[in-house]
N, C-alpha and C. Protein backbone atom coordinates (compact mmCIF):
# COMPACT_ATOMS: atom_id res chain seq x y z
N MET A 1 -46.65 18.38 27.07
CA MET A 1 -47.84 17.84 27.75
C MET A 1 -48.05 16.39 27.36
N LYS A 2 -48.20 15.55 28.35
CA LYS A 2 -48.37 14.14 28.08
C LYS A 2 -49.80 13.85 27.63
N THR A 3 -49.94 13.05 26.58
CA THR A 3 -51.25 12.63 26.11
C THR A 3 -51.72 11.45 26.95
N PRO A 4 -53.05 11.16 26.92
CA PRO A 4 -53.54 9.98 27.65
C PRO A 4 -52.81 8.70 27.23
N GLN A 5 -52.47 8.62 25.92
CA GLN A 5 -51.79 7.42 25.44
C GLN A 5 -50.39 7.30 26.04
N SER A 6 -49.68 8.45 26.13
CA SER A 6 -48.32 8.41 26.68
C SER A 6 -48.36 8.10 28.18
N ARG A 7 -49.37 8.64 28.87
CA ARG A 7 -49.49 8.34 30.30
C ARG A 7 -49.77 6.86 30.52
N GLN A 8 -50.61 6.28 29.66
CA GLN A 8 -50.90 4.86 29.77
C GLN A 8 -49.66 4.02 29.50
N LYS A 9 -48.83 4.48 28.53
CA LYS A 9 -47.61 3.75 28.21
C LYS A 9 -46.64 3.78 29.38
N ILE A 10 -46.51 4.96 30.02
CA ILE A 10 -45.62 5.09 31.17
C ILE A 10 -46.10 4.21 32.32
N ALA A 11 -47.42 4.24 32.53
CA ALA A 11 -47.99 3.42 33.62
C ALA A 11 -47.74 1.94 33.37
N ALA A 12 -47.89 1.52 32.10
CA ALA A 12 -47.67 0.11 31.77
C ALA A 12 -46.21 -0.28 31.98
N GLU A 13 -45.30 0.63 31.63
CA GLU A 13 -43.87 0.35 31.79
C GLU A 13 -43.48 0.23 33.26
N ASN A 14 -44.21 0.93 34.12
CA ASN A 14 -43.90 0.91 35.56
C ASN A 14 -44.55 -0.24 36.30
N MET A 15 -45.36 -1.02 35.59
CA MET A 15 -46.03 -2.15 36.22
C MET A 15 -45.02 -3.25 36.56
N SER A 16 -45.27 -3.95 37.66
CA SER A 16 -44.47 -5.13 37.98
C SER A 16 -44.91 -6.27 37.06
N ALA A 17 -44.13 -7.35 37.04
CA ALA A 17 -44.47 -8.50 36.21
C ALA A 17 -45.83 -9.08 36.58
N VAL A 18 -46.11 -9.15 37.87
CA VAL A 18 -47.40 -9.69 38.32
C VAL A 18 -48.55 -8.78 37.90
N GLN A 19 -48.35 -7.48 37.98
CA GLN A 19 -49.38 -6.54 37.57
C GLN A 19 -49.66 -6.66 36.06
N LYS A 20 -48.62 -6.91 35.29
CA LYS A 20 -48.80 -7.08 33.84
C LYS A 20 -49.59 -8.36 33.55
N ILE A 21 -49.29 -9.42 34.30
CA ILE A 21 -50.05 -10.66 34.13
C ILE A 21 -51.51 -10.44 34.50
N HIS A 22 -51.73 -9.73 35.60
CA HIS A 22 -53.08 -9.41 36.05
C HIS A 22 -53.85 -8.66 34.97
N ARG A 23 -53.21 -7.68 34.35
CA ARG A 23 -53.87 -6.91 33.30
C ARG A 23 -54.20 -7.79 32.10
N ALA A 24 -53.25 -8.66 31.73
CA ALA A 24 -53.48 -9.53 30.58
C ALA A 24 -54.62 -10.51 30.83
N LEU A 25 -54.70 -11.03 32.05
CA LEU A 25 -55.76 -11.99 32.38
C LEU A 25 -57.14 -11.35 32.36
N ARG A 26 -57.19 -10.06 32.64
CA ARG A 26 -58.48 -9.37 32.68
C ARG A 26 -58.89 -8.80 31.33
N SER A 27 -57.99 -8.86 30.35
CA SER A 27 -58.31 -8.30 29.03
C SER A 27 -59.13 -9.29 28.22
N GLY A 28 -59.63 -8.83 27.10
CA GLY A 28 -60.42 -9.68 26.24
C GLY A 28 -61.91 -9.58 26.55
N PRO A 29 -62.74 -10.09 25.66
CA PRO A 29 -64.20 -10.02 25.87
C PRO A 29 -64.62 -10.86 27.05
N PRO A 30 -65.57 -10.36 27.84
CA PRO A 30 -66.03 -11.13 29.01
C PRO A 30 -66.86 -12.33 28.60
N SER A 31 -66.78 -13.36 29.41
CA SER A 31 -67.63 -14.53 29.19
C SER A 31 -69.06 -14.17 29.58
N ASN A 32 -70.03 -14.82 28.96
CA ASN A 32 -71.41 -14.51 29.30
C ASN A 32 -72.29 -15.75 29.12
N GLU A 33 -71.93 -16.79 29.86
CA GLU A 33 -72.72 -18.02 29.80
C GLU A 33 -72.58 -18.78 31.11
N LEU A 34 -73.64 -19.41 31.52
CA LEU A 34 -73.60 -20.22 32.73
C LEU A 34 -72.69 -21.43 32.53
N ARG A 35 -71.99 -21.84 33.58
CA ARG A 35 -71.11 -23.00 33.51
C ARG A 35 -71.62 -24.08 34.45
N THR A 36 -71.46 -25.31 34.03
CA THR A 36 -71.76 -26.43 34.92
C THR A 36 -70.61 -26.55 35.92
N ALA A 37 -70.81 -27.39 36.92
CA ALA A 37 -69.75 -27.60 37.90
C ALA A 37 -68.50 -28.16 37.23
N ALA A 38 -68.68 -29.12 36.32
CA ALA A 38 -67.54 -29.71 35.63
C ALA A 38 -66.81 -28.67 34.79
N GLU A 39 -67.57 -27.83 34.09
CA GLU A 39 -66.96 -26.79 33.27
C GLU A 39 -66.22 -25.76 34.14
N SER A 40 -66.77 -25.48 35.31
CA SER A 40 -66.14 -24.53 36.22
C SER A 40 -64.81 -25.05 36.74
N VAL A 41 -64.78 -26.34 37.08
CA VAL A 41 -63.55 -26.95 37.55
C VAL A 41 -62.49 -26.94 36.44
N THR A 42 -62.92 -27.24 35.23
CA THR A 42 -61.99 -27.21 34.09
C THR A 42 -61.45 -25.80 33.87
N SER A 43 -62.33 -24.81 33.95
CA SER A 43 -61.91 -23.42 33.78
C SER A 43 -60.90 -23.02 34.86
N ALA A 44 -61.13 -23.47 36.08
CA ALA A 44 -60.21 -23.17 37.17
C ALA A 44 -58.84 -23.80 36.92
N ARG A 45 -58.85 -25.05 36.45
CA ARG A 45 -57.59 -25.75 36.17
C ARG A 45 -56.81 -25.04 35.05
N VAL A 46 -57.52 -24.63 34.01
CA VAL A 46 -56.87 -23.93 32.89
C VAL A 46 -56.28 -22.60 33.34
N LEU A 47 -57.05 -21.85 34.13
CA LEU A 47 -56.57 -20.55 34.62
C LEU A 47 -55.38 -20.72 35.56
N PHE A 48 -55.43 -21.73 36.40
CA PHE A 48 -54.33 -21.99 37.32
C PHE A 48 -53.03 -22.23 36.55
N ARG A 49 -53.10 -23.05 35.52
CA ARG A 49 -51.91 -23.34 34.71
C ARG A 49 -51.49 -22.12 33.92
N GLU A 50 -52.45 -21.35 33.43
CA GLU A 50 -52.13 -20.13 32.67
C GLU A 50 -51.35 -19.13 33.52
N ILE A 51 -51.78 -18.97 34.76
CA ILE A 51 -51.08 -18.06 35.66
C ILE A 51 -49.66 -18.55 35.92
N GLN A 52 -49.52 -19.83 36.20
CA GLN A 52 -48.20 -20.41 36.47
C GLN A 52 -47.27 -20.21 35.27
N ASN A 53 -47.78 -20.51 34.07
CA ASN A 53 -46.96 -20.37 32.87
C ASN A 53 -46.62 -18.91 32.60
N SER A 54 -47.55 -18.01 32.88
CA SER A 54 -47.30 -16.59 32.67
C SER A 54 -46.23 -16.07 33.62
N MET A 55 -46.26 -16.53 34.86
CA MET A 55 -45.26 -16.12 35.83
C MET A 55 -43.88 -16.63 35.44
N LEU A 56 -43.83 -17.86 34.96
CA LEU A 56 -42.55 -18.42 34.52
C LEU A 56 -42.04 -17.68 33.28
N ALA A 57 -42.95 -17.34 32.37
CA ALA A 57 -42.56 -16.63 31.15
C ALA A 57 -42.02 -15.23 31.45
N LYS A 58 -42.46 -14.65 32.55
CA LYS A 58 -41.99 -13.32 32.96
C LYS A 58 -40.68 -13.40 33.75
N GLY A 59 -40.14 -14.60 33.87
CA GLY A 59 -38.89 -14.76 34.59
C GLY A 59 -39.04 -14.87 36.09
N LEU A 60 -40.27 -15.04 36.56
CA LEU A 60 -40.50 -15.21 37.99
C LEU A 60 -40.26 -16.66 38.38
N GLN A 61 -40.10 -16.88 39.64
CA GLN A 61 -39.92 -18.25 40.16
C GLN A 61 -40.99 -18.51 41.21
N PRO A 62 -42.23 -18.74 40.75
CA PRO A 62 -43.34 -18.90 41.70
C PRO A 62 -43.20 -20.15 42.55
N GLU A 63 -43.47 -19.99 43.82
CA GLU A 63 -43.47 -21.10 44.75
C GLU A 63 -44.91 -21.43 45.13
N GLN A 64 -45.11 -22.57 45.75
CA GLN A 64 -46.45 -22.96 46.17
C GLN A 64 -47.04 -21.88 47.07
N GLY A 65 -48.24 -21.46 46.74
CA GLY A 65 -48.91 -20.41 47.51
C GLY A 65 -48.74 -19.02 46.93
N ASP A 66 -47.91 -18.89 45.88
CA ASP A 66 -47.72 -17.58 45.26
C ASP A 66 -48.86 -17.21 44.32
N TRP A 67 -49.69 -18.16 43.98
CA TRP A 67 -50.88 -17.87 43.16
C TRP A 67 -51.97 -18.89 43.49
N ALA A 68 -53.20 -18.47 43.25
CA ALA A 68 -54.33 -19.34 43.58
C ALA A 68 -55.53 -18.98 42.71
N VAL A 69 -56.41 -19.94 42.57
CA VAL A 69 -57.67 -19.74 41.83
C VAL A 69 -58.81 -20.28 42.69
N HIS A 70 -59.87 -19.50 42.79
CA HIS A 70 -61.05 -19.90 43.56
C HIS A 70 -62.27 -19.92 42.65
N VAL A 71 -63.11 -20.91 42.83
CA VAL A 71 -64.40 -20.97 42.13
C VAL A 71 -65.43 -20.29 43.02
N ALA A 72 -66.16 -19.35 42.44
CA ALA A 72 -67.17 -18.61 43.21
C ALA A 72 -68.57 -19.07 42.79
N TYR A 73 -69.44 -19.15 43.79
CA TYR A 73 -70.81 -19.58 43.50
C TYR A 73 -71.77 -18.93 44.48
N VAL A 74 -73.04 -18.95 44.12
CA VAL A 74 -74.08 -18.32 44.93
C VAL A 74 -75.21 -19.31 45.14
N SER A 75 -75.86 -19.21 46.29
CA SER A 75 -76.99 -20.10 46.58
C SER A 75 -78.12 -19.80 45.59
N THR A 76 -78.97 -20.77 45.38
CA THR A 76 -80.01 -20.61 44.35
C THR A 76 -81.03 -19.54 44.70
N ASP A 77 -81.13 -19.17 45.99
CA ASP A 77 -82.02 -18.06 46.33
C ASP A 77 -81.29 -16.71 46.27
N LEU A 78 -80.03 -16.76 45.81
CA LEU A 78 -79.21 -15.56 45.58
C LEU A 78 -78.91 -14.79 46.86
N SER A 79 -78.96 -15.46 48.00
CA SER A 79 -78.76 -14.76 49.26
C SER A 79 -77.34 -14.88 49.82
N LEU A 80 -76.62 -15.93 49.43
CA LEU A 80 -75.29 -16.17 49.99
C LEU A 80 -74.29 -16.49 48.89
N THR A 81 -73.08 -15.93 49.02
CA THR A 81 -72.01 -16.23 48.06
C THR A 81 -70.88 -16.96 48.78
N PHE A 82 -70.21 -17.84 48.04
CA PHE A 82 -69.14 -18.67 48.59
C PHE A 82 -68.01 -18.79 47.59
N THR A 83 -66.85 -19.23 48.07
CA THR A 83 -65.75 -19.58 47.18
C THR A 83 -65.13 -20.88 47.66
N GLN A 84 -64.56 -21.61 46.73
CA GLN A 84 -63.83 -22.83 47.04
C GLN A 84 -62.54 -22.82 46.23
N GLN A 85 -61.41 -22.98 46.91
CA GLN A 85 -60.14 -22.90 46.21
C GLN A 85 -59.90 -24.14 45.36
N TYR A 86 -59.37 -23.90 44.17
CA TYR A 86 -58.95 -25.00 43.30
C TYR A 86 -57.56 -25.47 43.74
N VAL A 87 -57.40 -26.77 43.91
CA VAL A 87 -56.11 -27.37 44.27
C VAL A 87 -55.79 -28.43 43.24
N PRO A 88 -54.66 -28.31 42.55
CA PRO A 88 -54.31 -29.31 41.53
C PRO A 88 -54.32 -30.73 42.09
N GLY A 89 -54.94 -31.64 41.36
CA GLY A 89 -55.01 -33.03 41.80
C GLY A 89 -56.24 -33.35 42.61
N SER A 90 -56.96 -32.31 43.05
CA SER A 90 -58.15 -32.56 43.87
C SER A 90 -59.43 -32.20 43.11
N GLU A 91 -59.36 -32.25 41.79
CA GLU A 91 -60.52 -31.91 40.98
C GLU A 91 -61.77 -32.72 41.33
N PRO A 92 -61.66 -34.04 41.58
CA PRO A 92 -62.86 -34.80 41.95
C PRO A 92 -63.51 -34.29 43.23
N ASP A 93 -62.69 -33.91 44.21
CA ASP A 93 -63.24 -33.39 45.47
C ASP A 93 -63.95 -32.06 45.24
N LEU A 94 -63.34 -31.20 44.42
CA LEU A 94 -63.96 -29.91 44.13
C LEU A 94 -65.26 -30.10 43.37
N LEU A 95 -65.26 -31.00 42.41
CA LEU A 95 -66.47 -31.27 41.64
C LEU A 95 -67.58 -31.80 42.53
N LYS A 96 -67.24 -32.70 43.44
CA LYS A 96 -68.24 -33.25 44.37
C LYS A 96 -68.80 -32.15 45.26
N HIS A 97 -67.91 -31.28 45.74
CA HIS A 97 -68.35 -30.18 46.60
C HIS A 97 -69.34 -29.28 45.88
N LEU A 98 -69.11 -29.03 44.61
CA LEU A 98 -69.96 -28.12 43.85
C LEU A 98 -71.27 -28.77 43.39
N THR A 99 -71.28 -30.08 43.28
CA THR A 99 -72.48 -30.77 42.81
C THR A 99 -73.34 -31.31 43.95
N ASP A 100 -72.80 -31.33 45.16
CA ASP A 100 -73.55 -31.86 46.31
C ASP A 100 -74.53 -30.84 46.88
N GLN A 101 -74.58 -29.67 46.31
CA GLN A 101 -75.46 -28.62 46.82
C GLN A 101 -76.03 -27.81 45.65
N PRO A 102 -77.23 -27.30 45.81
CA PRO A 102 -77.84 -26.51 44.71
C PRO A 102 -77.26 -25.10 44.68
N VAL A 103 -76.35 -24.85 43.74
CA VAL A 103 -75.72 -23.54 43.65
C VAL A 103 -75.65 -23.10 42.18
N ILE A 104 -75.36 -21.82 42.01
CA ILE A 104 -75.15 -21.25 40.68
C ILE A 104 -73.70 -20.80 40.61
N LEU A 105 -72.96 -21.32 39.65
CA LEU A 105 -71.55 -20.95 39.48
C LEU A 105 -71.48 -19.58 38.81
N ILE A 106 -70.75 -18.65 39.41
CA ILE A 106 -70.75 -17.27 38.89
C ILE A 106 -69.41 -16.80 38.34
N GLY A 107 -68.31 -17.51 38.66
CA GLY A 107 -67.04 -17.07 38.10
C GLY A 107 -65.84 -17.57 38.86
N LEU A 108 -64.69 -17.03 38.48
CA LEU A 108 -63.42 -17.39 39.12
C LEU A 108 -62.78 -16.16 39.73
N ILE A 109 -62.08 -16.37 40.82
CA ILE A 109 -61.28 -15.32 41.44
C ILE A 109 -59.84 -15.83 41.48
N PHE A 110 -58.91 -15.01 41.00
CA PHE A 110 -57.50 -15.43 41.02
C PHE A 110 -56.68 -14.44 41.83
N ALA A 111 -55.62 -14.94 42.42
CA ALA A 111 -54.75 -14.10 43.26
C ALA A 111 -53.30 -14.47 43.02
N MET A 112 -52.43 -13.45 43.03
CA MET A 112 -51.00 -13.66 42.84
C MET A 112 -50.23 -12.83 43.87
N ARG A 113 -49.17 -13.40 44.39
CA ARG A 113 -48.31 -12.70 45.33
C ARG A 113 -47.28 -11.90 44.54
N ASP A 114 -47.29 -10.56 44.73
CA ASP A 114 -46.37 -9.69 44.00
C ASP A 114 -45.15 -9.39 44.88
N LYS A 115 -44.09 -10.16 44.69
CA LYS A 115 -42.90 -10.01 45.52
C LYS A 115 -42.13 -8.72 45.19
N ASP A 116 -42.43 -8.11 44.04
CA ASP A 116 -41.82 -6.83 43.69
C ASP A 116 -42.55 -5.66 44.34
N ALA A 117 -43.65 -5.96 45.01
CA ALA A 117 -44.44 -4.92 45.69
C ALA A 117 -44.65 -5.31 47.14
N GLN A 118 -43.56 -5.73 47.80
CA GLN A 118 -43.57 -6.08 49.21
C GLN A 118 -44.55 -7.21 49.53
N GLY A 119 -44.72 -8.11 48.57
CA GLY A 119 -45.56 -9.28 48.80
C GLY A 119 -47.05 -9.01 48.78
N ALA A 120 -47.44 -7.88 48.18
CA ALA A 120 -48.87 -7.54 48.12
C ALA A 120 -49.63 -8.59 47.32
N LEU A 121 -50.88 -8.80 47.68
CA LEU A 121 -51.74 -9.75 46.98
C LEU A 121 -52.49 -9.02 45.88
N VAL A 122 -52.29 -9.47 44.64
CA VAL A 122 -52.97 -8.88 43.48
C VAL A 122 -54.11 -9.82 43.11
N VAL A 123 -55.32 -9.32 43.14
CA VAL A 123 -56.51 -10.16 42.95
C VAL A 123 -57.32 -9.69 41.75
N GLY A 124 -57.84 -10.64 41.00
CA GLY A 124 -58.69 -10.31 39.85
C GLY A 124 -59.86 -11.28 39.77
N VAL A 125 -60.84 -10.93 38.95
CA VAL A 125 -62.02 -11.77 38.81
C VAL A 125 -62.29 -12.05 37.34
N LYS A 126 -62.89 -13.21 37.09
CA LYS A 126 -63.30 -13.59 35.73
C LYS A 126 -64.73 -14.14 35.82
N PRO A 127 -65.72 -13.27 35.67
CA PRO A 127 -67.11 -13.71 35.80
C PRO A 127 -67.54 -14.61 34.64
N PHE A 128 -68.42 -15.56 34.96
CA PHE A 128 -69.02 -16.38 33.91
C PHE A 128 -70.16 -15.63 33.24
N LEU A 129 -70.86 -14.81 34.04
CA LEU A 129 -71.95 -14.00 33.51
C LEU A 129 -71.58 -12.53 33.63
N ASP A 130 -71.70 -11.80 32.55
CA ASP A 130 -71.30 -10.39 32.53
C ASP A 130 -72.48 -9.52 32.97
N THR A 131 -72.72 -9.51 34.29
CA THR A 131 -73.79 -8.68 34.85
C THR A 131 -73.25 -7.87 36.01
N LYS A 132 -73.92 -6.78 36.35
CA LYS A 132 -73.48 -5.95 37.47
C LYS A 132 -73.54 -6.73 38.78
N GLN A 133 -74.57 -7.54 38.95
CA GLN A 133 -74.72 -8.29 40.19
C GLN A 133 -73.61 -9.33 40.35
N THR A 134 -73.31 -10.03 39.25
CA THR A 134 -72.23 -11.02 39.30
C THR A 134 -70.90 -10.35 39.64
N SER A 135 -70.63 -9.23 39.00
CA SER A 135 -69.38 -8.50 39.26
C SER A 135 -69.32 -8.05 40.72
N ALA A 136 -70.45 -7.61 41.26
CA ALA A 136 -70.50 -7.16 42.66
C ALA A 136 -70.22 -8.32 43.60
N TRP A 137 -70.83 -9.48 43.33
CA TRP A 137 -70.59 -10.66 44.16
C TRP A 137 -69.11 -11.05 44.14
N LEU A 138 -68.54 -11.09 42.95
CA LEU A 138 -67.14 -11.50 42.81
C LEU A 138 -66.20 -10.50 43.48
N ARG A 139 -66.51 -9.21 43.33
CA ARG A 139 -65.66 -8.18 43.93
C ARG A 139 -65.71 -8.28 45.46
N GLU A 140 -66.89 -8.58 45.98
CA GLU A 140 -67.04 -8.74 47.44
C GLU A 140 -66.18 -9.89 47.95
N LYS A 141 -66.21 -11.03 47.25
CA LYS A 141 -65.42 -12.18 47.69
C LYS A 141 -63.92 -11.92 47.48
N ALA A 142 -63.58 -11.19 46.43
CA ALA A 142 -62.18 -10.84 46.20
C ALA A 142 -61.67 -9.95 47.31
N ASP A 143 -62.49 -8.99 47.73
CA ASP A 143 -62.11 -8.10 48.83
C ASP A 143 -61.91 -8.89 50.12
N GLU A 144 -62.72 -9.92 50.32
CA GLU A 144 -62.56 -10.76 51.51
C GLU A 144 -61.22 -11.49 51.49
N LEU A 145 -60.79 -11.94 50.31
CA LEU A 145 -59.49 -12.61 50.21
C LEU A 145 -58.36 -11.64 50.55
N ILE A 146 -58.47 -10.41 50.06
CA ILE A 146 -57.45 -9.40 50.35
C ILE A 146 -57.41 -9.10 51.84
N LEU A 147 -58.58 -8.95 52.44
CA LEU A 147 -58.64 -8.64 53.87
C LEU A 147 -58.08 -9.79 54.70
N GLU A 148 -58.41 -11.01 54.33
CA GLU A 148 -57.89 -12.17 55.05
C GLU A 148 -56.36 -12.20 54.97
N ASP A 149 -55.83 -11.90 53.78
CA ASP A 149 -54.38 -11.88 53.61
C ASP A 149 -53.75 -10.77 54.45
N CYS A 150 -54.40 -9.61 54.47
CA CYS A 150 -53.90 -8.50 55.28
C CYS A 150 -53.85 -8.88 56.75
N ARG A 151 -54.88 -9.56 57.23
CA ARG A 151 -54.93 -9.93 58.64
C ARG A 151 -53.81 -10.90 59.00
N VAL A 152 -53.48 -11.80 58.08
CA VAL A 152 -52.35 -12.71 58.32
C VAL A 152 -51.06 -11.90 58.46
N ASN A 153 -50.89 -10.91 57.57
CA ASN A 153 -49.68 -10.08 57.63
C ASN A 153 -49.65 -9.21 58.88
N TRP A 154 -50.81 -8.68 59.27
CA TRP A 154 -50.87 -7.86 60.50
C TRP A 154 -50.51 -8.72 61.71
N ARG A 155 -51.00 -9.95 61.73
CA ARG A 155 -50.71 -10.84 62.85
C ARG A 155 -49.22 -11.15 62.91
N ALA A 156 -48.60 -11.38 61.76
CA ALA A 156 -47.17 -11.67 61.73
C ALA A 156 -46.36 -10.47 62.20
N ALA A 157 -46.76 -9.27 61.76
CA ALA A 157 -46.05 -8.06 62.16
C ALA A 157 -46.21 -7.82 63.66
N ALA A 158 -47.40 -8.08 64.17
CA ALA A 158 -47.65 -7.88 65.60
C ALA A 158 -46.81 -8.84 66.44
N ARG A 159 -46.73 -10.08 66.01
CA ARG A 159 -45.93 -11.05 66.77
C ARG A 159 -44.44 -10.69 66.72
N ALA A 160 -43.99 -10.22 65.56
CA ALA A 160 -42.58 -9.83 65.45
C ALA A 160 -42.25 -8.70 66.42
N GLU A 161 -43.17 -7.74 66.55
CA GLU A 161 -42.96 -6.65 67.51
C GLU A 161 -42.92 -7.18 68.95
N ALA A 162 -43.86 -8.08 69.25
CA ALA A 162 -43.93 -8.63 70.61
C ALA A 162 -42.67 -9.43 70.94
N GLU A 163 -42.18 -10.21 69.99
CA GLU A 163 -40.97 -11.00 70.23
C GLU A 163 -39.77 -10.10 70.43
N SER A 164 -39.71 -9.01 69.68
CA SER A 164 -38.61 -8.05 69.83
C SER A 164 -38.63 -7.42 71.22
N GLU A 165 -39.83 -7.09 71.69
CA GLU A 165 -39.97 -6.49 73.02
C GLU A 165 -39.55 -7.48 74.12
N ALA A 166 -39.94 -8.75 73.93
CA ALA A 166 -39.58 -9.78 74.91
C ALA A 166 -38.06 -9.95 74.96
N GLU A 167 -37.44 -9.89 73.80
CA GLU A 167 -35.98 -10.02 73.72
C GLU A 167 -35.31 -8.85 74.42
N GLU A 168 -35.82 -7.65 74.20
CA GLU A 168 -35.24 -6.46 74.83
C GLU A 168 -35.34 -6.53 76.35
N LYS A 169 -36.44 -7.14 76.84
CA LYS A 169 -36.63 -7.25 78.28
C LYS A 169 -35.89 -8.45 78.88
N GLY A 170 -35.30 -9.26 78.01
CA GLY A 170 -34.56 -10.42 78.50
C GLY A 170 -35.44 -11.52 79.04
N LEU A 171 -36.69 -11.58 78.58
CA LEU A 171 -37.62 -12.61 79.08
C LEU A 171 -37.33 -13.95 78.43
N ARG A 172 -37.56 -15.02 79.18
CA ARG A 172 -37.33 -16.37 78.67
C ARG A 172 -38.44 -17.29 79.16
N GLY A 173 -38.56 -18.42 78.49
CA GLY A 173 -39.48 -19.46 78.93
C GLY A 173 -40.94 -19.05 78.95
N GLN A 174 -41.66 -19.52 79.99
CA GLN A 174 -43.10 -19.29 80.09
C GLN A 174 -43.43 -17.81 80.18
N LYS A 175 -42.63 -17.05 80.91
CA LYS A 175 -42.89 -15.62 81.02
C LYS A 175 -42.81 -14.94 79.66
N ALA A 176 -41.84 -15.35 78.87
CA ALA A 176 -41.69 -14.77 77.53
C ALA A 176 -42.91 -15.10 76.67
N GLN A 177 -43.37 -16.35 76.73
CA GLN A 177 -44.52 -16.76 75.90
C GLN A 177 -45.78 -16.01 76.28
N GLU A 178 -46.01 -15.86 77.59
CA GLU A 178 -47.20 -15.12 78.05
C GLU A 178 -47.12 -13.65 77.63
N PHE A 179 -45.94 -13.08 77.78
CA PHE A 179 -45.73 -11.68 77.39
C PHE A 179 -45.97 -11.51 75.88
N ILE A 180 -45.43 -12.43 75.10
CA ILE A 180 -45.58 -12.35 73.64
C ILE A 180 -47.04 -12.47 73.23
N ARG A 181 -47.77 -13.38 73.87
CA ARG A 181 -49.20 -13.53 73.55
C ARG A 181 -49.96 -12.24 73.81
N GLU A 182 -49.73 -11.65 74.98
CA GLU A 182 -50.45 -10.43 75.34
C GLU A 182 -50.08 -9.27 74.42
N ARG A 183 -48.78 -9.11 74.15
CA ARG A 183 -48.34 -8.00 73.33
C ARG A 183 -48.70 -8.20 71.85
N THR A 184 -48.76 -9.45 71.44
CA THR A 184 -49.18 -9.71 70.05
C THR A 184 -50.60 -9.22 69.83
N GLU A 185 -51.50 -9.50 70.80
CA GLU A 185 -52.89 -9.05 70.67
C GLU A 185 -52.96 -7.52 70.69
N TYR A 186 -52.15 -6.92 71.54
CA TYR A 186 -52.12 -5.45 71.61
C TYR A 186 -51.67 -4.86 70.27
N HIS A 187 -50.56 -5.36 69.75
CA HIS A 187 -50.03 -4.82 68.50
C HIS A 187 -50.93 -5.15 67.32
N TYR A 188 -51.56 -6.35 67.37
CA TYR A 188 -52.46 -6.72 66.27
C TYR A 188 -53.63 -5.74 66.18
N SER A 189 -54.21 -5.37 67.31
CA SER A 189 -55.33 -4.41 67.30
C SER A 189 -54.89 -3.09 66.69
N LYS A 190 -53.63 -2.72 66.95
CA LYS A 190 -53.09 -1.48 66.38
C LYS A 190 -52.93 -1.61 64.86
N TRP A 191 -52.32 -2.73 64.42
CA TRP A 191 -52.12 -2.94 62.99
C TRP A 191 -53.46 -3.04 62.26
N GLU A 192 -54.43 -3.70 62.89
CA GLU A 192 -55.73 -3.85 62.26
C GLU A 192 -56.42 -2.50 62.11
N ARG A 193 -56.34 -1.67 63.14
CA ARG A 193 -56.96 -0.35 63.08
C ARG A 193 -56.35 0.50 61.97
N ILE A 194 -55.03 0.53 61.92
CA ILE A 194 -54.35 1.31 60.89
C ILE A 194 -54.63 0.74 59.50
N GLY A 195 -54.57 -0.59 59.40
CA GLY A 195 -54.80 -1.25 58.11
C GLY A 195 -56.20 -1.01 57.58
N MET A 196 -57.20 -1.12 58.45
CA MET A 196 -58.58 -0.91 58.02
C MET A 196 -58.80 0.52 57.58
N GLU A 197 -58.16 1.45 58.25
CA GLU A 197 -58.27 2.86 57.84
C GLU A 197 -57.71 3.07 56.45
N ASN A 198 -56.62 2.36 56.13
CA ASN A 198 -56.01 2.49 54.81
C ASN A 198 -56.82 1.78 53.74
N LEU A 199 -57.51 0.70 54.13
CA LEU A 199 -58.29 -0.05 53.15
C LEU A 199 -59.59 0.65 52.81
N LEU A 200 -60.17 1.35 53.77
CA LEU A 200 -61.47 1.98 53.55
C LEU A 200 -61.35 3.25 52.70
């Protein structure tokens, strides 16, 4: 009979490199202090580099777009949540964006492309304040990132199906493009329906 410890060990051994990085990034004591805009930008830069270095240390070869960090914030009346992606070299622009409006910085959201899991997006959160509400806000925005990524993949799959159908029919030129557009929308609605059922 396997003990909980042995099951955890087996599960850890079966993790992909990206999943192991995700687990490591989420470990440790949670932060519990408000951050200024400047501190938030610095935290995003540090996390971005940490993810890159961790992927390289695991023997991965990350390309641009394989990982990302977003700064999450909420309006001062606590009614709306937003995210802004950190882009290396654009720290002044990000800082200006965060200081030009009255907001409360609530944490970071990070994402990594797991090529060992069919390119699935692995997303995690690092709240600045360790509260249930902050965690809920961050989880909501993280789910939006996953859904957005899924929709991009559904659209690509739908277009691939439509192009294959056009090729089978021997269509060319304008007729092929019109056919592909129509069939892409048809297949996309199918992929979206199936995908949403699996996500819910």
